[in-house]
PDB file of N, CA and C in Angstrom:
ATOM      1  N   MET A   1     -47.015  28.992  58.234  1.00  0.00           N
ATOM      2  CA  MET A   1     -46.447  28.668  56.936  1.00  0.00           C
ATOM      3  C   MET A   1     -47.483  27.866  56.142  1.00  0.00           C
ATOM      4  N   HIS A   2     -47.526  28.125  54.856  1.00  0.00           N
ATOM      5  CA  HIS A   2     -48.423  27.355  54.003  1.00  0.00           C
ATOM      6  C   HIS A   2     -47.639  26.797  52.818  1.00  0.00           C
ATOM      7  N   PHE A   3     -48.050  25.634  52.383  1.00  0.00           N
ATOM      8  CA  PHE A   3     -47.380  24.921  51.302  1.00  0.00           C
ATOM      9  C   PHE A   3     -47.690  25.574  49.966  1.00  0.00           C
ATOM     10  N   ASN A   4     -46.651  25.742  49.131  1.00  0.00           N
ATOM     11  CA  ASN A   4     -46.808  26.241  47.768  1.00  0.00           C
ATOM     12  C   ASN A   4     -46.494  25.104  46.816  1.00  0.00           C
ATOM     13  N   SER A   5     -47.405  24.812  45.926  1.00  0.00           N
ATOM     14  CA  SER A   5     -47.168  23.771  44.934  1.00  0.00           C
ATOM     15  C   SER A   5     -46.144  24.281  43.922  1.00  0.00           C
ATOM     16  N   VAL A   6     -45.106  23.470  43.679  1.00  0.00           N
ATOM     17  CA  VAL A   6     -44.020  23.872  42.791  1.00  0.00           C
ATOM     18  C   VAL A   6     -43.738  22.745  41.809  1.00  0.00           C
ATOM     19  N   LYS A   7     -43.581  23.106  40.543  1.00  0.00           N
ATOM     20  CA  LYS A   7     -43.171  22.132  39.535  1.00  0.00           C
ATOM     21  C   LYS A   7     -41.890  22.644  38.905  1.00  0.00           C
ATOM     22  N   ASN A   8     -40.840  21.824  39.001  1.00  0.00           N
ATOM     23  CA  ASN A   8     -39.540  22.205  38.489  1.00  0.00           C
ATOM     24  C   ASN A   8     -38.842  20.943  38.025  1.00  0.00           C
ATOM     25  N   SER A   9     -38.419  20.914  36.773  1.00  0.00           N
ATOM     26  CA  SER A   9     -37.801  19.698  36.229  1.00  0.00           C
ATOM     27  C   SER A   9     -36.336  19.555  36.648  1.00  0.00           C
ATOM     28  N   MET A  10     -35.706  20.623  37.149  1.00  0.00           N
ATOM     29  CA  MET A  10     -34.287  20.565  37.501  1.00  0.00           C
ATOM     30  C   MET A  10     -34.059  20.163  38.957  1.00  0.00           C
ATOM     31  N   PHE A  11     -34.933  20.603  39.870  1.00  0.00           N
ATOM     32  CA  PHE A  11     -34.768  20.338  41.289  1.00  0.00           C
ATOM     33  C   PHE A  11     -36.048  19.761  41.863  1.00  0.00           C
ATOM     34  N   SER A  12     -35.889  18.948  42.877  1.00  0.00           N
ATOM     35  CA  SER A  12     -37.037  18.445  43.608  1.00  0.00           C
ATOM     36  C   SER A  12     -37.010  19.113  44.977  1.00  0.00           C
ATOM     37  N   TYR A  13     -38.057  19.899  45.273  1.00  0.00           N
ATOM     38  CA  TYR A  13     -38.091  20.589  46.550  1.00  0.00           C
ATOM     39  C   TYR A  13     -39.518  20.887  46.990  1.00  0.00           C
ATOM     40  N   LEU A  14     -39.637  21.169  48.285  1.00  0.00           N
ATOM     41  CA  LEU A  14     -40.892  21.604  48.878  1.00  0.00           C
ATOM     42  C   LEU A  14     -40.738  23.079  49.224  1.00  0.00           C
ATOM     43  N   LYS A  15     -41.796  23.855  49.049  1.00  0.00           N
ATOM     44  CA  LYS A  15     -41.742  25.291  49.307  1.00  0.00           C
ATOM     45  C   LYS A  15     -42.874  25.684  50.245  1.00  0.00           C
ATOM     46  N   TYR A  16     -42.509  26.394  51.311  1.00  0.00           N
ATOM     47  CA  TYR A  16     -43.472  26.913  52.273  1.00  0.00           C
ATOM     48  C   TYR A  16     -43.234  28.412  52.450  1.00  0.00           C
ATOM     49  N   SER A  17     -44.306  29.197  52.533  1.00  0.00           N
ATOM     50  CA  SER A  17     -44.219  30.640  52.751  1.00  0.00           C
ATOM     51  C   SER A  17     -45.139  31.027  53.898  1.00  0.00           C
ATOM     52  N   ASN A  18     -44.761  32.119  54.588  1.00  0.00           N
ATOM     53  CA  ASN A  18     -45.667  32.595  55.637  1.00  0.00           C
ATOM     54  C   ASN A  18     -46.758  33.452  55.006  1.00  0.00           C
ATOM     55  N   ASN A  19     -47.777  33.788  55.776  1.00  0.00           N
ATOM     56  CA  ASN A  19     -48.936  34.502  55.238  1.00  0.00           C
ATOM     57  C   ASN A  19     -48.605  35.874  54.687  1.00  0.00           C
ATOM     58  N   SER A  20     -47.608  36.540  55.237  1.00  0.00           N
ATOM     59  CA  SER A  20     -47.250  37.879  54.763  1.00  0.00           C
ATOM     60  C   SER A  20     -46.184  37.839  53.666  1.00  0.00           C
ATOM     61  N   ASP A  21     -45.776  36.645  53.249  1.00  0.00           N
ATOM     62  CA  ASP A  21     -44.744  36.452  52.222  1.00  0.00           C
ATOM     63  C   ASP A  21     -43.432  37.153  52.551  1.00  0.00           C
ATOM     64  N   THR A  22     -43.100  37.248  53.833  1.00  0.00           N
ATOM     65  CA  THR A  22     -41.810  37.816  54.226  1.00  0.00           C
ATOM     66  C   THR A  22     -40.779  36.732  54.490  1.00  0.00           C
ATOM     67  N   GLN A  23     -41.214  35.467  54.446  1.00  0.00           N
ATOM     68  CA  GLN A  23     -40.296  34.358  54.675  1.00  0.00           C
ATOM     69  C   GLN A  23     -40.732  33.142  53.874  1.00  0.00           C
ATOM     70  N   THR A  24     -39.772  32.533  53.202  1.00  0.00           N
ATOM     71  CA  THR A  24     -40.002  31.316  52.421  1.00  0.00           C
ATOM     72  C   THR A  24     -38.968  30.280  52.842  1.00  0.00           C
ATOM     73  N   ILE A  25     -39.396  29.035  52.966  1.00  0.00           N
ATOM     74  CA  ILE A  25     -38.487  27.937  53.295  1.00  0.00           C
ATOM     75  C   ILE A  25     -38.554  26.912  52.174  1.00  0.00           C
ATOM     76  N   LEU A  26     -37.380  26.546  51.664  1.00  0.00           N
ATOM     77  CA  LEU A  26     -37.266  25.531  50.615  1.00  0.00           C
ATOM     78  C   LEU A  26     -36.542  24.316  51.197  1.00  0.00           C
ATOM     79  N   PHE A  27     -37.112  23.139  51.002  1.00  0.00           N
ATOM     80  CA  PHE A  27     -36.486  21.881  51.401  1.00  0.00           C
ATOM     81  C   PHE A  27     -36.082  21.157  50.123  1.00  0.00           C
ATOM     82  N   PHE A  28     -34.779  21.065  49.858  1.00  0.00           N
ATOM     83  CA  PHE A  28     -34.277  20.398  48.658  1.00  0.00           C
ATOM     84  C   PHE A  28     -34.171  18.901  48.915  1.00  0.00           C
ATOM     85  N   LEU A  29     -34.679  18.114  47.963  1.00  0.00           N
ATOM     86  CA  LEU A  29     -34.797  16.668  48.144  1.00  0.00           C
ATOM     87  C   LEU A  29     -33.959  15.894  47.144  1.00  0.00           C
ATOM     88  N   THR A  30     -33.495  14.721  47.560  1.00  0.00           N
ATOM     89  CA  THR A  30     -32.833  13.787  46.649  1.00  0.00           C
ATOM     90  C   THR A  30     -33.909  13.111  45.807  1.00  0.00           C
ATOM     91  N   PRO A  31     -33.522  12.355  44.777  1.00  0.00           N
ATOM     92  CA  PRO A  31     -34.538  11.618  44.007  1.00  0.00           C
ATOM     93  C   PRO A  31     -35.367  10.649  44.853  1.00  0.00           C
ATOM     94  N   ASP A  32     -34.816  10.240  46.017  1.00  0.00           N
ATOM     95  CA  ASP A  32     -35.546   9.357  46.930  1.00  0.00           C
ATOM     96  C   ASP A  32     -36.361  10.134  47.975  1.00  0.00           C
ATOM     97  N   SER A  33     -36.512  11.450  47.770  1.00  0.00           N
ATOM     98  CA  SER A  33     -37.279  12.336  48.651  1.00  0.00           C
ATOM     99  C   SER A  33     -36.686  12.480  50.051  1.00  0.00           C
ATOM    100  N   VAL A  34     -35.353  12.417  50.163  1.00  0.00           N
ATOM    101  CA  VAL A  34     -34.649  12.661  51.416  1.00  0.00           C
ATOM    102  C   VAL A  34     -34.130  14.096  51.376  1.00  0.00           C
ATOM    103  N   CYS A  35     -34.331  14.826  52.453  1.00  0.00           N
ATOM    104  CA  CYS A  35     -33.899  16.222  52.503  1.00  0.00           C
ATOM    105  C   CYS A  35     -32.374  16.297  52.477  1.00  0.00           C
ATOM    106  N   LYS A  36     -31.832  17.062  51.526  1.00  0.00           N
ATOM    107  CA  LYS A  36     -30.385  17.220  51.428  1.00  0.00           C
ATOM    108  C   LYS A  36     -29.937  18.643  51.733  1.00  0.00           C
ATOM    109  N   GLY A  37     -30.881  19.546  51.963  1.00  0.00           N
ATOM    110  CA  GLY A  37     -30.544  20.915  52.306  1.00  0.00           C
ATOM    111  C   GLY A  37     -31.794  21.754  52.494  1.00  0.00           C
ATOM    112  N   VAL A  38     -31.620  22.857  53.229  1.00  0.00           N
ATOM    113  CA  VAL A  38     -32.721  23.767  53.510  1.00  0.00           C
ATOM    114  C   VAL A  38     -32.246  25.182  53.207  1.00  0.00           C
ATOM    115  N   LYS A  39     -33.129  25.981  52.624  1.00  0.00           N
ATOM    116  CA  LYS A  39     -32.821  27.386  52.391  1.00  0.00           C
ATOM    117  C   LYS A  39     -33.997  28.216  52.876  1.00  0.00           C
ATOM    118  N   VAL A  40     -33.701  29.187  53.732  1.00  0.00           N
ATOM    119  CA  VAL A  40     -34.695  30.124  54.242  1.00  0.00           C
ATOM    120  C   VAL A  40     -34.404  31.470  53.595  1.00  0.00           C
ATOM    121  N   ILE A  41     -35.394  32.043  52.947  1.00  0.00           N
ATOM    122  CA  ILE A  41     -35.253  33.359  52.321  1.00  0.00           C
ATOM    123  C   ILE A  41     -36.225  34.287  53.031  1.00  0.00           C
ATOM    124  N   CYS A  42     -35.718  35.410  53.528  1.00  0.00           N
ATOM    125  CA  CYS A  42     -36.587  36.321  54.267  1.00  0.00           C
ATOM    126  C   CYS A  42     -36.283  37.769  53.916  1.00  0.00           C
ATOM    127  N   ASP A  43     -37.237  38.611  54.224  1.00  0.00           N
ATOM    128  CA  ASP A  43     -37.108  40.042  54.010  1.00  0.00           C
ATOM    129  C   ASP A  43     -35.885  40.551  54.783  1.00  0.00           C
ATOM    130  N   SER A  44     -35.142  41.494  54.190  1.00  0.00           N
ATOM    131  CA  SER A  44     -33.923  41.995  54.832  1.00  0.00           C
ATOM    132  C   SER A  44     -34.192  42.640  56.189  1.00  0.00           C
ATOM    133  N   SER A  45     -35.412  43.091  56.435  1.00  0.00           N
ATOM    134  CA  SER A  45     -35.748  43.683  57.731  1.00  0.00           C
ATOM    135  C   SER A  45     -35.683  42.655  58.861  1.00  0.00           C
ATOM    136  N   MET A  46     -35.684  41.364  58.518  1.00  0.00           N
ATOM    137  CA  MET A  46     -35.652  40.301  59.517  1.00  0.00           C
ATOM    138  C   MET A  46     -34.232  39.904  59.917  1.00  0.00           C
ATOM    139  N   LYS A  47     -33.208  40.552  59.321  1.00  0.00           N
ATOM    140  CA  LYS A  47     -31.814  40.175  59.570  1.00  0.00           C
ATOM    141  C   LYS A  47     -31.464  40.117  61.059  1.00  0.00           C
ATOM    142  N   PRO A  48     -31.701  41.192  61.849  1.00  0.00           N
ATOM    143  CA  PRO A  48     -31.316  41.115  63.270  1.00  0.00           C
ATOM    144  C   PRO A  48     -31.964  39.940  64.006  1.00  0.00           C
ATOM    145  N   GLU A  49     -33.228  39.707  63.726  1.00  0.00           N
ATOM    146  CA  GLU A  49     -33.958  38.600  64.355  1.00  0.00           C
ATOM    147  C   GLU A  49     -33.351  37.254  63.963  1.00  0.00           C
ATOM    148  N   LYS A  50     -33.024  37.086  62.695  1.00  0.00           N
ATOM    149  CA  LYS A  50     -32.480  35.815  62.212  1.00  0.00           C
ATOM    150  C   LYS A  50     -31.069  35.573  62.751  1.00  0.00           C
ATOM    151  N   ILE A  51     -30.229  36.610  62.802  1.00  0.00           N
ATOM    152  CA  ILE A  51     -28.875  36.458  63.354  1.00  0.00           C
ATOM    153  C   ILE A  51     -28.959  36.056  64.826  1.00  0.00           C
ATOM    154  N   GLN A  52     -29.840  36.692  65.578  1.00  0.00           N
ATOM    155  CA  GLN A  52     -30.012  36.345  66.989  1.00  0.00           C
ATOM    156  C   GLN A  52     -30.496  34.901  67.135  1.00  0.00           C
ATOM    157  N   GLU A  53     -31.416  34.504  66.263  1.00  0.00           N
ATOM    158  CA  GLU A  53     -31.922  33.128  66.294  1.00  0.00           C
ATOM    159  C   GLU A  53     -30.802  32.128  66.010  1.00  0.00           C
ATOM    160  N   LEU A  54     -29.984  32.412  65.007  1.00  0.00           N
ATOM    161  CA  LEU A  54     -28.867  31.525  64.674  1.00  0.00           C
ATOM    162  C   LEU A  54     -27.866  31.445  65.822  1.00  0.00           C
ATOM    163  N   ASP A  55     -27.544  32.613  66.436  1.00  0.00           N
ATOM    164  CA  ASP A  55     -26.609  32.629  67.568  1.00  0.00           C
ATOM    165  C   ASP A  55     -27.141  31.840  68.761  1.00  0.00           C
ATOM    166  N   THR A  56     -28.454  31.812  68.930  1.00  0.00           N
ATOM    167  CA  THR A  56     -29.070  31.101  70.050  1.00  0.00           C
ATOM    168  C   THR A  56     -29.070  29.589  69.839  1.00  0.00           C
ATOM    169  N   ILE A  57     -29.301  29.174  68.598  1.00  0.00           N
ATOM    170  CA  ILE A  57     -29.481  27.748  68.308  1.00  0.00           C
ATOM    171  C   ILE A  57     -28.179  27.031  67.971  1.00  0.00           C
ATOM    172  N   TYR A  58     -27.294  27.701  67.240  1.00  0.00           N
ATOM    173  CA  TYR A  58     -26.100  27.046  66.700  1.00  0.00           C
ATOM    174  C   TYR A  58     -24.818  27.669  67.244  1.00  0.00           C
ATOM    175  N   GLU A  59     -23.695  26.991  66.998  1.00  0.00           N
ATOM    176  CA  GLU A  59     -22.377  27.486  67.394  1.00  0.00           C
ATOM    177  C   GLU A  59     -21.799  28.325  66.253  1.00  0.00           C
ATOM    178  N   ARG A  60     -21.487  29.581  66.536  1.00  0.00           N
ATOM    179  CA  ARG A  60     -20.928  30.478  65.519  1.00  0.00           C
ATOM    180  C   ARG A  60     -19.473  30.094  65.250  1.00  0.00           C
ATOM    181  N   ILE A  61     -19.119  30.010  63.938  1.00  0.00           N
ATOM    182  CA  ILE A  61     -17.741  29.684  63.555  1.00  0.00           C
ATOM    183  C   ILE A  61     -17.160  30.736  62.601  1.00  0.00           C
ATOM    184  N   GLY A  62     -17.846  31.847  62.435  1.00  0.00           N
ATOM    185  CA  GLY A  62     -17.378  32.926  61.570  1.00  0.00           C
ATOM    186  C   GLY A  62     -18.410  34.030  61.530  1.00  0.00           C
ATOM    187  N   ASP A  63     -18.114  35.083  60.768  1.00  0.00           N
ATOM    188  CA  ASP A  63     -19.032  36.220  60.696  1.00  0.00           C
ATOM    189  C   ASP A  63     -20.412  35.829  60.188  1.00  0.00           C
ATOM    190  N   ASP A  64     -20.456  34.926  59.228  1.00  0.00           N
ATOM    191  CA  ASP A  64     -21.728  34.548  58.605  1.00  0.00           C
ATOM    192  C   ASP A  64     -21.921  33.040  58.548  1.00  0.00           C
ATOM    193  N   ARG A  65     -21.291  32.328  59.493  1.00  0.00           N
ATOM    194  CA  ARG A  65     -21.358  30.862  59.490  1.00  0.00           C
ATOM    195  C   ARG A  65     -21.550  30.308  60.902  1.00  0.00           C
ATOM    196  N   TRP A  66     -22.310  29.216  60.939  1.00  0.00           N
ATOM    197  CA  TRP A  66     -22.562  28.499  62.183  1.00  0.00           C
ATOM    198  C   TRP A  66     -22.438  27.011  61.880  1.00  0.00           C
ATOM    199  N   VAL A  67     -22.346  26.214  62.923  1.00  0.00           N
ATOM    200  CA  VAL A  67     -22.309  24.768  62.751  1.00  0.00           C
ATOM    201  C   VAL A  67     -23.295  24.145  63.732  1.00  0.00           C
ATOM    202  N   ASP A  68     -23.893  23.034  63.292  1.00  0.00           N
ATOM    203  CA  ASP A  68     -24.808  22.275  64.136  1.00  0.00           C
ATOM    204  C   ASP A  68     -24.316  20.843  64.178  1.00  0.00           C
ATOM    205  N   PHE A  69     -24.319  20.251  65.346  1.00  0.00           N
ATOM    206  CA  PHE A  69     -23.961  18.851  65.526  1.00  0.00           C
ATOM    207  C   PHE A  69     -25.244  18.119  65.885  1.00  0.00           C
ATOM    208  N   HIS A  70     -25.693  17.236  64.996  1.00  0.00           N
ATOM    209  CA  HIS A  70     -26.973  16.563  65.219  1.00  0.00           C
ATOM    210  C   HIS A  70     -26.852  15.104  64.806  1.00  0.00           C
ATOM    211  N   GLU A  71     -27.114  14.219  65.752  1.00  0.00           N
ATOM    212  CA  GLU A  71     -27.089  12.770  65.521  1.00  0.00           C
ATOM    213  C   GLU A  71     -25.804  12.322  64.833  1.00  0.00           C
ATOM    214  N   GLY A  72     -24.667  12.833  65.337  1.00  0.00           N
ATOM    215  CA  GLY A  72     -23.365  12.414  64.836  1.00  0.00           C
ATOM    216  C   GLY A  72     -22.941  13.049  63.520  1.00  0.00           C
ATOM    217  N   LYS A  73     -23.701  13.989  63.012  1.00  0.00           N
ATOM    218  CA  LYS A  73     -23.363  14.652  61.751  1.00  0.00           C
ATOM    219  C   LYS A  73     -23.209  16.154  61.989  1.00  0.00           C
ATOM    220  N   ASN A  74     -22.333  16.765  61.198  1.00  0.00           N
ATOM    221  CA  ASN A  74     -22.142  18.206  61.249  1.00  0.00           C
ATOM    222  C   ASN A  74     -22.909  18.855  60.104  1.00  0.00           C
ATOM    223  N   TYR A  75     -23.564  19.970  60.411  1.00  0.00           N
ATOM    224  CA  TYR A  75     -24.297  20.731  59.404  1.00  0.00           C
ATOM    225  C   TYR A  75     -23.775  22.158  59.402  1.00  0.00           C
ATOM    226  N   LEU A  76     -23.521  22.682  58.218  1.00  0.00           N
ATOM    227  CA  LEU A  76     -23.027  24.040  58.061  1.00  0.00           C
ATOM    228  C   LEU A  76     -24.187  24.972  57.763  1.00  0.00           C
ATOM    229  N   ILE A  77     -24.267  26.056  58.510  1.00  0.00           N
ATOM    230  CA  ILE A  77     -25.324  27.052  58.333  1.00  0.00           C
ATOM    231  C   ILE A  77     -24.655  28.330  57.851  1.00  0.00           C
ATOM    232  N   LYS A  78     -25.113  28.858  56.715  1.00  0.00           N
ATOM    233  CA  LYS A  78     -24.528  30.074  56.136  1.00  0.00           C
ATOM    234  C   LYS A  78     -25.601  31.153  56.013  1.00  0.00           C
ATOM    235  N   PHE A  79     -25.221  32.366  56.375  1.00  0.00           N
ATOM    236  CA  PHE A  79     -26.108  33.528  56.243  1.00  0.00           C
ATOM    237  C   PHE A  79     -25.575  34.402  55.115  1.00  0.00           C
ATOM    238  N   LYS A  80     -26.467  34.833  54.231  1.00  0.00           N
ATOM    239  CA  LYS A  80     -26.055  35.688  53.122  1.00  0.00           C
ATOM    240  C   LYS A  80     -27.040  36.837  52.991  1.00  0.00           C
ATOM    241  N   GLU A  81     -26.502  38.057  52.913  1.00  0.00           N
ATOM    242  CA  GLU A  81     -27.341  39.238  52.768  1.00  0.00           C
ATOM    243  C   GLU A  81     -27.355  39.679  51.310  1.00  0.00           C
ATOM    244  N   GLU A  82     -28.554  39.872  50.786  1.00  0.00           N
ATOM    245  CA  GLU A  82     -28.759  40.349  49.423  1.00  0.00           C
ATOM    246  C   GLU A  82     -29.276  41.782  49.490  1.00  0.00           C
ATOM    247  N   GLU A  83     -29.571  42.378  48.339  1.00  0.00           N
ATOM    248  CA  GLU A  83     -30.060  43.752  48.322  1.00  0.00           C
ATOM    249  C   GLU A  83     -31.420  43.891  49.005  1.00  0.00           C
ATOM    250  N   TRP A  84     -32.345  42.982  48.701  1.00  0.00           N
ATOM    251  CA  TRP A  84     -33.715  43.078  49.227  1.00  0.00           C
ATOM    252  C   TRP A  84     -34.072  41.957  50.192  1.00  0.00           C
ATOM    253  N   SER A  85     -33.195  41.008  50.337  1.00  0.00           N
ATOM    254  CA  SER A  85     -33.504  39.858  51.185  1.00  0.00           C
ATOM    255  C   SER A  85     -32.234  39.328  51.822  1.00  0.00           C
ATOM    256  N   CYS A  86     -32.419  38.348  52.666  1.00  0.00           N
ATOM    257  CA  CYS A  86     -31.287  37.599  53.220  1.00  0.00           C
ATOM    258  C   CYS A  86     -31.662  36.120  53.177  1.00  0.00           C
ATOM    259  N   SER A  87     -30.641  35.289  53.174  1.00  0.00           N
ATOM    260  CA  SER A  87     -30.916  33.854  53.103  1.00  0.00           C
ATOM    261  C   SER A  87     -30.054  33.093  54.088  1.00  0.00           C
ATOM    262  N   ILE A  88     -30.582  31.968  54.506  1.00  0.00           N
ATOM    263  CA  ILE A  88     -29.897  31.048  55.387  1.00  0.00           C
ATOM    264  C   ILE A  88     -29.927  29.687  54.718  1.00  0.00           C
ATOM    265  N   THR A  89     -28.760  29.077  54.541  1.00  0.00           N
ATOM    266  CA  THR A  89     -28.733  27.728  53.983  1.00  0.00           C
ATOM    267  C   THR A  89     -28.184  26.778  55.038  1.00  0.00           C
ATOM    268  N   ILE A  90     -28.758  25.600  55.064  1.00  0.00           N
ATOM    269  CA  ILE A  90     -28.332  24.547  55.984  1.00  0.00           C
ATOM    270  C   ILE A  90     -28.065  23.303  55.146  1.00  0.00           C
ATOM    271  N   GLU A  91     -26.811  22.828  55.206  1.00  0.00           N
ATOM    272  CA  GLU A  91     -26.405  21.652  54.424  1.00  0.00           C
ATOM    273  C   GLU A  91     -25.462  20.798  55.257  1.00  0.00           C
ATOM    274  N   PRO A  92     -25.413  19.508  54.958  1.00  0.00           N
ATOM    275  CA  PRO A  92     -24.422  18.667  55.645  1.00  0.00           C
ATOM    276  C   PRO A  92     -23.022  19.188  55.360  1.00  0.00           C
ATOM    277  N   ASP A  93     -22.171  19.207  56.382  1.00  0.00           N
ATOM    278  CA  ASP A  93     -20.778  19.630  56.218  1.00  0.00           C
ATOM    279  C   ASP A  93     -20.011  18.496  55.547  1.00  0.00           C
ATOM    280  N   LYS A  94     -19.279  18.829  54.530  1.00  0.00           N
ATOM    281  CA  LYS A  94     -18.590  17.787  53.747  1.00  0.00           C
ATOM    282  C   LYS A  94     -17.221  17.485  54.267  1.00  0.00           C
TER     283      LYS A  94
END
């Protein structure tokens, strides 16, 4: 993964992409630079690999949802399939 410099006045985030540009990871930050969510965007051909990875790492709680318990906090992981890509979001469970 390599860092992509991003300037955006609406959101504060870090962006990393792999060398073949088939996967991008965005780390969304609070004004104090604390990570408040992660979004992974990947080529739709990676769907089977990503679903298997999610099933291995997290507890499945639905067709497209998983949960992670880490340091006393729950995190919700959502998988979404688009026309040309798929995405995974990880956010604290509210």
